[in-house]
Amino acid sequence: MPPSVSLPASWQYDVPTSGSTHLPPDAGYARALTNQGYGFEAAVADLIDNSIDAGADSVVVHFLRDSDRILSLLVLDNGHGMNDAELDQAMTVGRRRDYDGQALGMYGTGLKAASLSQARSLTVISRTKRSRAAGRKLTAESIEDGFRCDTVEPGFAQQQIDTYDGLIEWHGTIVRWDHVRAFETVAPGQSEQFLSKAIAQLGIHLGLYLHRFLSNGLKLDIAVWDVSTGEEVDHNSVDPLDPFGYKVPGKAGYPKKFTAPVEGVGQVTLEAHIWPAKSNLAGFRQIGSIQDRQGFYFYRNDRLVQAGGWSNLRSPEGHLVLARIAVDLPSTPNEVFSLTVKKDGVEVTPAFTLGVEKATDESGTMFRTYLADAETAYREGASRSVIERAAVNEPGKGFDPKVKRAVREELPLKDDDPVRIDWVPLPDDRFFDLDRDNYVILLNRDFREDFNDGRRGGANDAPVTKTLLYLLLQDCFGLGRWERKRADRIEYWNSILLAAVHAQRERRNRLAS
C-alpha cells in the first residue's frame, strides 16, 4: 500500500520560482555530441542539407585515399559561402540559427553533431563573393578544452579552395572530415571493397532522401581521389530514387488524395499510392526491405525525413507492401509532428492516427478502402507466375551508375563481392583478362582511347563495351574449380574481341585521315 498523501486544498498549475542561475554546458558535452546515433549516410546527408540551404546547385562528396588507405571525406558545394563571422557562428556548439520557413536545417546542431559522430576532426573552409577564403577546425578534444575552435591558416584555406576551383569559383564551402572512425577500421587490402559498398549505400540513401531536389536539378556526385597520384579513380552521379516512381500503378485510379482532419493542425493531405506487384524498379526494391518501406513517407520542405512505417496506425504486414503514402508536413509549428534531430524519422501524437482513420477522398471514400485495395493488388499480383532469373554478381567500380541501377532492377543479386572493371597494362595479344580472386575484369589500357573518341576517358568510360563484357563474364567469379571448357571459352572470346578492337582502331584511323 502506498503511503497516504495529503494534497493541498488548491492545486497549483504553475511551479513558482525564486531566482535563476545560468549554467553553461560542461566541457564533457563533447562526448554527448559525438554519440548522437547518426549513421554514416544520415550524417553525410545532414551536411548536404546545409549545402542546399546555402543555395548550392552542385555538391560533390569526395573520398580521399592514399594508395590503400582511406584518408578523409570532403563535402564540397558552390553555395553562397561564409565569411569569418558566419564561420564562427556555424562552429559554435549549442548555437541555434534562425531558419526561414523553407530551410532544411532546424536545430543548428547538425554540422557539429553529424560530423563529430563520424570523425575526430571537423574542418570547414569557405569563401563568399566579398570575402577571402577562411576556415575553422573543431575536434572533440578542442571542445573539451573550453569549447576551443581553431582558425585555419589562411594560405592553406585558399589552397584548398583553389584545388576545387572547378566547382568553387567565387563562392562555396568545403566540409572536411579527418580521422574518420569507419575508415580507420578498414583492414589492409580491403579499401576497394569498403569504398565500393560505402559509395553504393551512400548513393542509395542520398538518392532516396533527396530525390525531389535531384529531380529538380540538384547535381550531386560521389567521387574518389587518390592523393598519391593526383587522379580521380572513381566518379558516380547520384540519381533520384523516387519511392513513388512506378510507371503504371498497381490498381487503376491511384494515386488518390485523402484528407485527414488532424486536431491541432487542420486538414492534412495523404497522397496514397499502390505500387505494381513484383516490381523490380529501383524506387521499390533498392531502398531497403519492402516490408519496412510500406506506410508513410513524410516530407519537410521537399526533403524526405521518414521513409516508411505506419506511425502507430498499424503494424507492418506482408500484404500491404505495395502501400505507400506521401505526406508533406505542415509548414507552421505544431505539437502533432516532431522531427528527430537526425532527420530520419517523425514522432506523431495520437491526433494524427485518429485523423487518418477519419480521412476520406473527394468522393467520400474512407482511407481504410485504400488499405483494402492495396491488399487486393498484392494478392492478385502474388498469384501471377514469373520467370525466375539467375542471380548475378553486382557491377561495381568502373561501371556507370545507370548500368548498375539497370542490373539491380532486372536481375537478383548474389550476396558476394561486386565485379569491378579497370584499364591496366596487358600484353599486346590480350584485349581483356580476369583477376578472379579479386573479382576484377582487366581491360588492355592500350585500347582505351579507341573507345573514347581518342581521349583517355573517365573512371566510368566506355559504358557499352564494359557492360557487354560484364554480361559475358560476370559468372566467371566466385567459382571453385576452373573448368577447361570455360577457360577455352574465355580464350576464344578474347581472340575474337581483340580482332574487333583492331578493326575499330583501323576504321577510326581511316576516318581521321
Protein backbone atom coordinates (compact mmCIF):
# COMPACT_ATOMS: atom_id res chain seq x y z
CA MET A 1 0.00 0.00 0.00
CA PRO A 2 1.44 3.43 -0.90
CA PRO A 3 1.68 5.90 1.98
CA SER A 4 -1.22 8.27 2.36
CA VAL A 5 -0.77 11.69 0.72
CA SER A 6 -2.37 14.90 1.87
CA LEU A 7 -2.84 17.17 -1.19
CA PRO A 8 -3.11 20.94 -0.77
CA ALA A 9 -6.58 22.38 -0.82
CA SER A 10 -5.98 24.08 -4.19
CA TRP A 11 -3.76 22.66 -6.97
CA GLN A 12 -1.07 24.99 -8.32
CA TYR A 13 -0.89 24.71 -12.08
CA ASP A 14 2.41 26.64 -12.33
CA VAL A 15 5.52 25.92 -10.28
CA PRO A 16 6.71 29.16 -8.59
CA THR A 17 10.41 30.13 -8.75
CA SER A 18 12.56 32.42 -6.62
CA GLY A 19 15.53 33.29 -8.86
CA SER A 20 17.70 31.81 -11.60
CA THR A 21 21.27 30.72 -12.36
CA HIS A 22 22.95 30.48 -15.78
CA LEU A 23 24.53 27.04 -16.22
CA PRO A 24 26.82 26.88 -19.30
CA PRO A 25 27.46 23.43 -20.75
CA ASP A 26 30.27 21.41 -19.25
CA ALA A 27 33.21 20.52 -21.50
CA GLY A 28 32.16 16.88 -21.15
CA TYR A 29 29.33 17.73 -23.53
CA ALA A 30 31.73 16.78 -26.33
CA ARG A 31 31.16 13.11 -25.55
CA ALA A 32 27.40 13.52 -25.84
CA LEU A 33 27.82 15.46 -29.09
CA THR A 34 29.79 12.63 -30.68
CA ASN A 35 27.25 9.98 -29.68
CA GLN A 36 24.03 11.20 -31.29
CA GLY A 37 23.33 7.88 -33.02
CA TYR A 38 24.00 9.12 -36.56
CA GLY A 39 24.61 6.53 -39.24
CA PHE A 40 27.27 7.36 -41.84
CA GLU A 41 24.77 8.03 -44.64
CA ALA A 42 22.50 10.18 -42.46
CA ALA A 43 25.48 12.24 -41.29
CA VAL A 44 26.60 12.98 -44.86
CA ALA A 45 23.01 13.84 -45.82
CA ASP A 46 22.90 16.38 -42.99
CA LEU A 47 25.91 18.16 -44.49
CA ILE A 48 24.27 18.27 -47.90
CA ASP A 49 21.16 19.80 -46.33
CA ASN A 50 23.39 22.70 -45.30
CA SER A 51 24.66 22.97 -48.88
CA ILE A 52 21.12 23.15 -50.22
CA ASP A 53 20.21 25.79 -47.63
CA ALA A 54 23.25 27.76 -48.84
CA GLY A 55 21.79 27.86 -52.36
CA ALA A 56 24.14 25.28 -53.90
CA ASP A 57 23.07 23.61 -57.12
CA SER A 58 26.16 21.37 -57.31
CA VAL A 59 27.57 19.22 -54.50
CA VAL A 60 30.37 16.65 -54.53
CA VAL A 61 31.10 14.07 -51.82
CA HIS A 62 34.81 13.34 -52.17
CA PHE A 63 36.57 10.34 -50.61
CA LEU A 64 40.34 10.85 -50.41
CA ARG A 65 42.65 7.89 -50.33
CA ASP A 66 46.42 7.33 -50.43
CA SER A 67 47.06 4.07 -52.23
CA ASP A 68 45.30 1.55 -49.97
CA ARG A 69 44.45 3.90 -47.08
CA ILE A 70 41.24 5.92 -46.93
CA LEU A 71 42.20 9.29 -45.51
CA SER A 72 39.37 11.81 -45.42
CA LEU A 73 35.93 12.73 -46.64
CA LEU A 74 35.01 16.13 -48.05
CA VAL A 75 31.66 17.62 -48.98
CA LEU A 76 32.10 20.46 -51.49
CA ASP A 77 29.44 22.87 -52.69
CA ASN A 78 29.04 26.04 -54.73
CA GLY A 79 26.65 27.70 -52.29
CA HIS A 80 26.94 31.32 -51.19
CA GLY A 81 29.67 30.52 -48.63
CA MET A 82 30.51 32.04 -45.24
CA ASN A 83 32.78 34.83 -44.04
CA ASP A 84 34.78 34.74 -40.77
CA ALA A 85 31.89 35.84 -38.56
CA GLU A 86 29.50 33.36 -40.14
CA LEU A 87 32.04 30.54 -39.78
CA ASP A 88 32.35 31.33 -36.08
CA GLN A 89 28.58 31.16 -35.75
CA ALA A 90 28.35 27.88 -37.69
CA MET A 91 31.01 26.24 -35.50
CA THR A 92 29.60 27.43 -32.17
CA VAL A 93 28.42 24.40 -30.22
CA GLY A 94 24.87 24.79 -28.98
CA ARG A 95 24.09 27.91 -31.02
CA ARG A 96 20.75 27.79 -32.81
CA ARG A 97 20.37 29.67 -36.06
CA ASP A 98 17.30 31.49 -37.25
CA TYR A 99 15.94 29.39 -40.13
CA ASP A 100 13.46 30.58 -42.70
CA GLY A 101 10.32 28.58 -43.43
CA GLN A 102 11.88 26.73 -46.39
CA ALA A 103 15.19 25.75 -44.77
CA LEU A 104 16.13 22.11 -44.29
CA GLY A 105 18.02 22.87 -41.07
CA MET A 106 16.07 23.04 -37.82
CA TYR A 107 18.10 22.76 -34.64
CA GLY A 108 21.50 24.23 -35.50
CA THR A 109 23.43 21.15 -34.30
CA GLY A 110 23.63 19.07 -37.48
CA LEU A 111 27.04 20.20 -38.76
CA LYS A 112 28.83 19.53 -35.47
CA ALA A 113 26.86 16.50 -34.26
CA ALA A 114 26.79 14.73 -37.64
CA SER A 115 30.48 15.37 -38.29
CA LEU A 116 31.90 14.53 -34.87
CA SER A 117 29.76 11.39 -34.67
CA GLN A 118 31.85 10.06 -37.58
CA ALA A 119 35.22 11.82 -37.39
CA ARG A 120 37.55 13.12 -34.70
CA SER A 121 38.28 16.29 -36.65
CA LEU A 122 35.92 18.69 -38.48
CA THR A 123 37.25 21.47 -40.70
CA VAL A 124 35.09 23.99 -42.56
CA ILE A 125 36.65 26.22 -45.22
CA SER A 126 34.58 28.76 -47.10
CA ARG A 127 34.60 31.90 -49.19
CA THR A 128 31.99 34.37 -50.37
CA LYS A 129 31.93 36.80 -53.27
CA ARG A 130 33.05 39.55 -50.90
CA SER A 131 35.38 37.74 -48.50
CA ARG A 132 38.62 35.80 -48.70
CA ALA A 133 38.93 32.10 -48.01
CA ALA A 134 38.72 31.33 -44.29
CA GLY A 135 38.44 28.21 -42.18
CA ARG A 136 37.76 26.80 -38.75
CA LYS A 137 38.69 23.46 -37.20
CA LEU A 138 36.88 21.70 -34.37
CA THR A 139 37.69 18.44 -32.62
CA ALA A 140 36.26 16.56 -29.67
CA GLU A 141 39.45 17.43 -27.76
CA SER A 142 39.16 21.14 -28.55
CA ILE A 143 35.55 21.15 -27.31
CA GLU A 144 36.73 19.61 -24.06
CA ASP A 145 39.34 22.37 -23.91
CA GLY A 146 36.80 25.08 -23.14
CA PHE A 147 34.97 24.80 -26.50
CA ARG A 148 38.08 25.95 -28.38
CA CYS A 149 37.73 26.38 -32.15
CA ASP A 150 40.98 26.71 -34.13
CA THR A 151 41.45 29.12 -37.04
CA VAL A 152 42.74 27.52 -40.23
CA GLU A 153 45.88 29.12 -41.65
CA PRO A 154 44.63 31.49 -44.42
CA GLY A 155 47.13 30.27 -47.02
CA PHE A 156 46.02 26.67 -46.55
CA ALA A 157 42.35 27.70 -46.74
CA GLN A 158 42.98 29.42 -50.06
CA GLN A 159 44.96 26.45 -51.35
CA GLN A 160 42.05 24.12 -50.57
CA ILE A 161 39.62 26.43 -52.37
CA ASP A 162 41.98 26.60 -55.38
CA THR A 163 42.17 22.81 -55.52
CA TYR A 164 38.45 22.67 -56.24
CA ASP A 165 38.15 25.78 -58.41
CA GLY A 166 36.18 23.81 -60.99
CA LEU A 167 33.28 23.73 -58.51
CA ILE A 168 34.05 26.58 -56.10
CA GLU A 169 34.75 29.62 -58.27
CA TRP A 170 33.64 32.79 -56.50
CA HIS A 171 31.88 31.24 -53.54
CA GLY A 172 31.40 27.89 -51.87
CA THR A 173 32.23 25.71 -48.89
CA ILE A 174 34.36 22.67 -48.08
CA VAL A 175 33.45 20.48 -45.10
CA ARG A 176 36.27 18.08 -44.31
CA TRP A 177 36.30 15.04 -42.01
CA ASP A 178 39.64 13.67 -40.88
CA HIS A 179 40.33 10.61 -38.71
CA VAL A 180 37.02 9.06 -39.76
CA ARG A 181 36.37 6.15 -37.43
CA ALA A 182 34.93 3.85 -40.09
CA PHE A 183 37.93 4.43 -42.38
CA GLU A 184 40.42 3.57 -39.64
CA THR A 185 38.86 0.12 -39.20
CA VAL A 186 39.42 -0.92 -42.84
CA ALA A 187 41.95 -3.73 -42.99
CA PRO A 188 44.91 -3.54 -45.41
CA GLY A 189 43.88 -4.64 -48.88
CA GLN A 190 40.18 -4.03 -48.23
CA SER A 191 39.85 -0.33 -49.14
CA GLU A 192 38.47 -1.03 -52.65
CA GLN A 193 35.74 -3.32 -51.32
CA PHE A 194 34.92 -0.92 -48.49
CA LEU A 195 34.63 2.09 -50.81
CA SER A 196 32.55 0.20 -53.34
CA LYS A 197 29.98 -0.78 -50.73
CA ALA A 198 30.09 2.56 -48.90
CA ILE A 199 29.54 4.54 -52.09
CA ALA A 200 26.69 2.27 -53.19
CA GLN A 201 24.92 2.60 -49.82
CA LEU A 202 25.51 6.36 -49.67
CA GLY A 203 24.19 6.81 -53.21
CA ILE A 204 21.01 4.92 -52.37
CA HIS A 205 20.44 6.93 -49.18
CA LEU A 206 21.04 10.31 -50.81
CA GLY A 207 19.10 9.35 -53.93
CA LEU A 208 16.11 8.48 -51.76
CA TYR A 209 16.05 11.21 -49.13
CA LEU A 210 16.93 14.00 -51.58
CA HIS A 211 15.06 12.64 -54.59
CA ARG A 212 12.84 15.69 -55.05
CA PHE A 213 15.86 18.02 -55.16
CA LEU A 214 17.71 15.72 -57.56
CA SER A 215 14.67 15.59 -59.83
CA ASN A 216 14.54 19.40 -59.78
CA GLY A 217 18.11 19.96 -60.92
CA LEU A 218 20.46 19.45 -57.94
CA LYS A 219 23.69 17.91 -59.24
CA LEU A 220 25.17 15.53 -56.69
CA ASP A 221 28.24 13.37 -57.28
CA ILE A 222 30.33 10.93 -55.24
CA ALA A 223 33.98 10.69 -56.25
CA VAL A 224 37.21 9.04 -55.09
CA TRP A 225 40.53 10.84 -55.45
CA ASP A 226 43.93 9.20 -54.94
CA VAL A 227 46.18 11.86 -53.39
CA SER A 228 49.34 9.88 -54.21
CA THR A 229 48.69 10.09 -57.96
CA GLY A 230 46.51 13.21 -58.03
CA GLU A 231 43.95 11.31 -60.10
CA GLU A 232 40.24 10.75 -59.72
CA VAL A 233 39.80 6.98 -59.67
CA ASP A 234 36.01 6.72 -59.39
CA HIS A 235 33.09 9.03 -60.07
CA ASN A 236 29.38 8.37 -59.60
CA SER A 237 26.46 10.71 -60.14
CA VAL A 238 23.60 10.30 -57.66
CA ASP A 239 20.28 9.82 -59.41
CA PRO A 240 16.89 10.33 -57.75
CA LEU A 241 15.36 7.23 -56.18
CA ASP A 242 11.68 8.10 -56.17
CA PRO A 243 9.75 5.83 -53.77
CA PHE A 244 6.66 6.62 -55.87
CA GLY A 245 8.38 6.31 -59.25
CA TYR A 246 6.37 3.49 -60.83
CA LYS A 247 5.20 3.75 -64.45
CA VAL A 248 1.77 2.14 -64.01
CA PRO A 249 0.01 1.92 -60.61
CA GLY A 250 -0.83 -1.40 -59.02
CA LYS A 251 -4.53 -0.53 -59.17
CA ALA A 252 -6.40 1.75 -61.56
CA GLY A 253 -7.49 5.07 -60.11
CA TYR A 254 -4.42 5.58 -57.93
CA PRO A 255 -2.76 7.65 -56.60
CA LYS A 256 -5.64 9.20 -54.65
CA LYS A 257 -5.63 12.12 -52.25
CA PHE A 258 -7.27 11.66 -48.88
CA THR A 259 -7.82 14.47 -46.40
CA ALA A 260 -7.30 13.77 -42.70
CA PRO A 261 -8.75 16.12 -40.05
CA VAL A 262 -5.89 16.37 -37.53
CA GLU A 263 -6.68 18.21 -34.31
CA GLY A 264 -4.16 20.97 -33.64
CA VAL A 265 -3.06 21.11 -37.28
CA GLY A 266 -6.12 21.14 -39.52
CA GLN A 267 -6.54 19.29 -42.81
CA VAL A 268 -3.55 17.09 -43.76
CA THR A 269 -3.34 15.65 -47.29
CA LEU A 270 -2.42 11.98 -47.67
CA GLU A 271 -1.35 11.06 -51.21
CA ALA A 272 -2.00 7.31 -51.31
CA HIS A 273 -0.11 5.13 -53.82
CA ILE A 274 -0.25 1.45 -54.72
CA TRP A 275 2.85 0.01 -56.34
CA PRO A 276 2.53 -2.68 -59.03
CA ALA A 277 3.15 -6.14 -57.60
CA LYS A 278 6.57 -7.75 -58.03
CA SER A 279 8.11 -4.53 -59.35
CA ASN A 280 11.89 -4.58 -59.78
CA LEU A 281 12.19 -0.81 -60.17
CA ALA A 282 14.88 0.83 -58.05
CA GLY A 283 12.41 3.03 -56.17
CA PHE A 284 10.65 -0.09 -54.88
CA ARG A 285 13.32 -2.72 -54.27
CA GLN A 286 16.62 -0.86 -53.85
CA ILE A 287 15.77 1.45 -50.96
CA GLY A 288 15.65 -1.22 -48.27
CA SER A 289 13.37 -4.02 -47.17
CA ILE A 290 9.98 -3.64 -48.89
CA GLN A 291 8.40 -4.77 -45.61
CA ASP A 292 9.94 -1.77 -43.83
CA ARG A 293 9.19 0.66 -46.67
CA GLN A 294 5.41 0.35 -46.60
CA GLY A 295 3.43 3.12 -44.95
CA PHE A 296 4.02 6.85 -44.54
CA TYR A 297 6.65 8.94 -46.32
CA PHE A 298 6.93 12.27 -44.55
CA TYR A 299 8.48 15.25 -46.33
CA ARG A 300 9.59 18.55 -44.85
CA ASN A 301 10.27 21.29 -47.41
CA ASP A 302 10.64 18.59 -50.11
CA ARG A 303 13.26 16.70 -48.08
CA LEU A 304 12.24 13.13 -47.20
CA VAL A 305 12.51 12.70 -43.43
CA GLN A 306 10.80 9.33 -42.94
CA ALA A 307 10.76 6.53 -45.49
CA GLY A 308 8.03 4.11 -44.48
CA GLY A 309 6.43 2.93 -41.27
CA TRP A 310 2.86 3.25 -40.06
CA SER A 311 3.47 5.75 -37.21
CA ASN A 312 1.38 3.78 -34.70
CA LEU A 313 -1.56 3.44 -37.09
CA ARG A 314 -0.95 -0.31 -37.53
CA SER A 315 1.85 -2.87 -37.72
CA PRO A 316 3.71 -3.70 -40.96
CA GLU A 317 2.09 -6.60 -42.83
CA GLY A 318 3.26 -8.60 -45.81
CA HIS A 319 0.10 -7.98 -47.80
CA LEU A 320 0.50 -4.17 -47.51
CA VAL A 321 3.99 -3.87 -49.02
CA LEU A 322 2.53 -2.09 -52.06
CA ALA A 323 1.01 0.68 -49.93
CA ARG A 324 2.93 3.96 -49.64
CA ILE A 325 1.52 7.34 -48.62
CA ALA A 326 3.26 10.70 -49.19
CA VAL A 327 2.64 13.35 -46.51
CA ASP A 328 4.02 16.90 -46.67
CA LEU A 329 4.44 18.12 -43.10
CA PRO A 330 2.73 21.40 -42.21
CA SER A 331 5.00 24.44 -42.52
CA THR A 332 3.66 26.03 -39.32
CA PRO A 333 4.92 24.88 -35.90
CA ASN A 334 2.62 22.40 -34.17
CA GLU A 335 2.56 19.85 -31.36
CA VAL A 336 1.50 16.88 -33.51
CA PHE A 337 4.59 16.23 -35.66
CA SER A 338 8.11 16.20 -34.16
CA LEU A 339 11.15 15.68 -36.38
CA THR A 340 14.15 13.80 -34.97
CA VAL A 341 17.46 15.69 -34.77
CA LYS A 342 18.95 13.33 -37.37
CA LYS A 343 16.01 13.98 -39.73
CA ASP A 344 15.41 10.26 -40.17
CA GLY A 345 12.01 9.93 -38.51
CA VAL A 346 8.90 11.75 -37.35
CA GLU A 347 7.20 11.29 -34.00
CA VAL A 348 3.45 11.83 -34.09
CA THR A 349 0.80 12.20 -31.40
CA PRO A 350 -2.44 10.18 -31.45
CA ALA A 351 -4.13 13.17 -33.11
CA PHE A 352 -2.52 12.15 -36.41
CA THR A 353 -3.58 8.50 -36.35
CA LEU A 354 -7.11 9.46 -35.28
CA GLY A 355 -7.25 11.88 -38.19
CA VAL A 356 -6.02 9.23 -40.65
CA GLU A 357 -8.74 6.84 -39.53
CA LYS A 358 -11.31 9.53 -40.40
CA ALA A 359 -9.68 10.51 -43.70
CA THR A 360 -11.74 10.49 -46.92
CA ASP A 361 -11.10 11.31 -50.56
CA GLU A 362 -13.14 13.82 -52.58
CA SER A 363 -15.84 11.22 -53.25
CA GLY A 364 -16.20 10.34 -49.55
CA THR A 365 -14.31 7.04 -49.74
CA MET A 366 -12.69 6.15 -46.41
CA PHE A 367 -8.95 5.64 -46.02
CA ARG A 368 -9.49 2.03 -44.97
CA THR A 369 -10.78 1.33 -48.51
CA TYR A 370 -7.35 2.29 -49.81
CA LEU A 371 -5.71 -0.26 -47.50
CA ALA A 372 -8.11 -2.93 -48.76
CA ASP A 373 -7.29 -2.00 -52.38
CA ALA A 374 -3.55 -2.26 -51.67
CA GLU A 375 -4.04 -5.69 -50.11
CA THR A 376 -6.10 -6.87 -53.09
CA ALA A 377 -3.43 -5.67 -55.54
CA TYR A 378 -0.81 -7.60 -53.62
CA ARG A 379 -2.80 -10.84 -53.51
CA GLU A 380 -3.66 -10.66 -57.21
CA GLY A 381 -0.05 -9.95 -58.09
CA ALA A 382 1.24 -12.79 -55.91
CA SER A 383 -0.86 -15.28 -57.87
CA ARG A 384 0.81 -14.39 -61.19
CA SER A 385 3.69 -16.60 -62.28
CA VAL A 386 7.05 -15.06 -63.24
CA ILE A 387 10.19 -16.41 -64.86
CA GLU A 388 12.94 -16.78 -62.30
CA ARG A 389 16.19 -15.12 -63.40
CA ALA A 390 19.57 -16.35 -62.20
CA ALA A 391 21.33 -14.19 -59.61
CA VAL A 392 24.46 -12.28 -60.67
CA ASN A 393 27.39 -10.52 -59.03
CA GLU A 394 26.64 -6.80 -58.85
CA PRO A 395 28.69 -4.48 -61.11
CA GLY A 396 30.97 -2.29 -59.03
CA LYS A 397 33.73 0.25 -59.61
CA GLY A 398 34.26 1.27 -63.24
CA PHE A 399 30.64 0.83 -64.33
CA ASP A 400 28.36 3.77 -64.93
CA PRO A 401 25.76 4.22 -62.15
CA LYS A 402 22.92 3.92 -64.67
CA VAL A 403 24.23 0.49 -65.65
CA LYS A 404 24.44 -0.56 -62.00
CA ARG A 405 20.85 0.51 -61.41
CA ALA A 406 19.59 -1.30 -64.53
CA VAL A 407 21.26 -4.54 -63.41
CA ARG A 408 19.73 -4.23 -59.94
CA GLU A 409 16.29 -3.63 -61.43
CA GLU A 410 16.45 -6.52 -63.88
CA LEU A 411 18.34 -9.25 -62.03
CA PRO A 412 18.58 -10.66 -58.50
CA LEU A 413 21.99 -10.12 -56.91
CA LYS A 414 24.29 -12.60 -55.22
CA ASP A 415 25.46 -11.88 -51.71
CA ASP A 416 29.04 -11.63 -52.92
CA ASP A 417 31.69 -9.07 -53.83
CA PRO A 418 30.85 -6.78 -56.76
CA VAL A 419 32.64 -7.24 -60.08
CA ARG A 420 34.98 -4.33 -60.87
CA ILE A 421 36.43 -3.36 -64.25
CA ASP A 422 39.64 -1.44 -64.86
CA TRP A 423 42.05 -0.42 -67.62
CA VAL A 424 45.51 -1.86 -66.89
CA PRO A 425 48.69 -2.73 -68.83
CA LEU A 426 48.26 -6.09 -70.60
CA PRO A 427 50.25 -7.95 -73.29
CA ASP A 428 49.58 -6.93 -76.90
CA ASP A 429 47.75 -10.19 -77.58
CA ARG A 430 45.14 -9.66 -74.84
CA PHE A 431 42.10 -7.38 -75.01
CA PHE A 432 40.92 -8.44 -71.57
CA ASP A 433 41.90 -10.70 -68.71
CA LEU A 434 40.40 -11.79 -65.40
CA ASP A 435 41.61 -11.40 -61.81
CA ARG A 436 39.21 -13.99 -60.45
CA ASP A 437 40.50 -13.83 -56.86
CA ASN A 438 39.71 -10.09 -56.60
CA TYR A 439 36.63 -10.04 -58.86
CA VAL A 440 38.14 -7.73 -61.50
CA ILE A 441 37.74 -7.63 -65.28
CA LEU A 442 41.01 -6.22 -66.67
CA LEU A 443 40.97 -4.28 -69.94
CA ASN A 444 44.06 -3.53 -72.01
CA ARG A 445 44.88 0.14 -71.37
CA ASP A 446 46.43 0.49 -74.87
CA PHE A 447 42.95 0.32 -76.38
CA ARG A 448 41.27 2.81 -74.06
CA GLU A 449 41.34 5.76 -76.45
CA ASP A 450 39.70 3.64 -79.15
CA PHE A 451 36.53 3.59 -77.06
CA ASN A 452 36.69 7.26 -76.02
CA ASP A 453 37.00 9.12 -79.35
CA GLY A 454 40.75 9.41 -78.96
CA ARG A 455 40.59 10.69 -75.37
CA ARG A 456 41.66 8.98 -72.17
CA GLY A 457 38.17 8.82 -70.70
CA GLY A 458 36.96 8.89 -67.12
CA ALA A 459 36.54 6.29 -64.39
CA ASN A 460 33.20 5.09 -65.80
CA ASP A 461 34.01 5.42 -69.51
CA ALA A 462 33.10 3.08 -72.40
CA PRO A 463 29.81 2.02 -70.77
CA VAL A 464 28.56 -0.14 -73.66
CA THR A 465 31.82 -2.10 -74.01
CA LYS A 466 32.17 -2.57 -70.27
CA THR A 467 28.56 -3.66 -69.87
CA LEU A 468 28.78 -6.23 -72.67
CA LEU A 469 31.92 -7.69 -71.09
CA TYR A 470 30.21 -7.75 -67.69
CA LEU A 471 27.26 -9.70 -69.13
CA LEU A 472 29.66 -12.17 -70.75
CA LEU A 473 31.98 -12.61 -67.79
CA GLN A 474 30.10 -11.98 -64.54
CA ASP A 475 29.51 -15.71 -64.00
CA CYS A 476 33.27 -16.40 -64.03
CA PHE A 477 33.74 -15.19 -60.45
CA GLY A 478 33.11 -16.92 -57.16
CA LEU A 479 33.66 -20.36 -58.64
CA GLY A 480 35.60 -23.26 -57.24
CA ARG A 481 37.22 -25.38 -59.93
CA TRP A 482 38.07 -23.53 -63.16
CA GLU A 483 36.70 -25.78 -65.93
CA ARG A 484 38.74 -26.31 -69.10
CA LYS A 485 35.65 -25.65 -71.23
CA ARG A 486 35.06 -22.29 -69.52
CA ALA A 487 38.75 -21.36 -69.79
CA ASP A 488 38.72 -22.19 -73.50
CA ARG A 489 35.62 -20.02 -73.98
CA ILE A 490 37.44 -17.09 -72.36
CA GLU A 491 40.36 -17.60 -74.73
CA TYR A 492 38.35 -17.55 -77.95
CA TRP A 493 36.21 -14.65 -76.74
CA ASN A 494 39.42 -12.72 -76.08
CA SER A 495 40.82 -13.56 -79.51
CA ILE A 496 37.65 -12.52 -81.34
CA LEU A 497 37.27 -9.30 -79.36
CA LEU A 498 40.94 -8.47 -79.96
CA ALA A 499 40.30 -8.71 -83.72
CA ALA A 500 37.24 -6.49 -83.30
CA VAL A 501 39.12 -3.77 -81.42
CA HIS A 502 41.89 -3.75 -84.04
CA ALA A 503 39.21 -3.37 -86.73
CA GLN A 504 37.69 -0.48 -84.78
CA ARG A 505 41.10 1.21 -84.47
CA GLU A 506 41.75 0.90 -88.21
CA ARG A 507 38.32 2.32 -89.01
CA ARG A 508 38.88 5.26 -86.61
CA ASN A 509 42.29 5.99 -88.15
CA ARG A 510 40.83 5.98 -91.69
CA LEU A 511 38.08 8.38 -90.69
CA ALA A 512 40.61 10.66 -89.00
CA SER A 513 42.91 10.81 -92.07
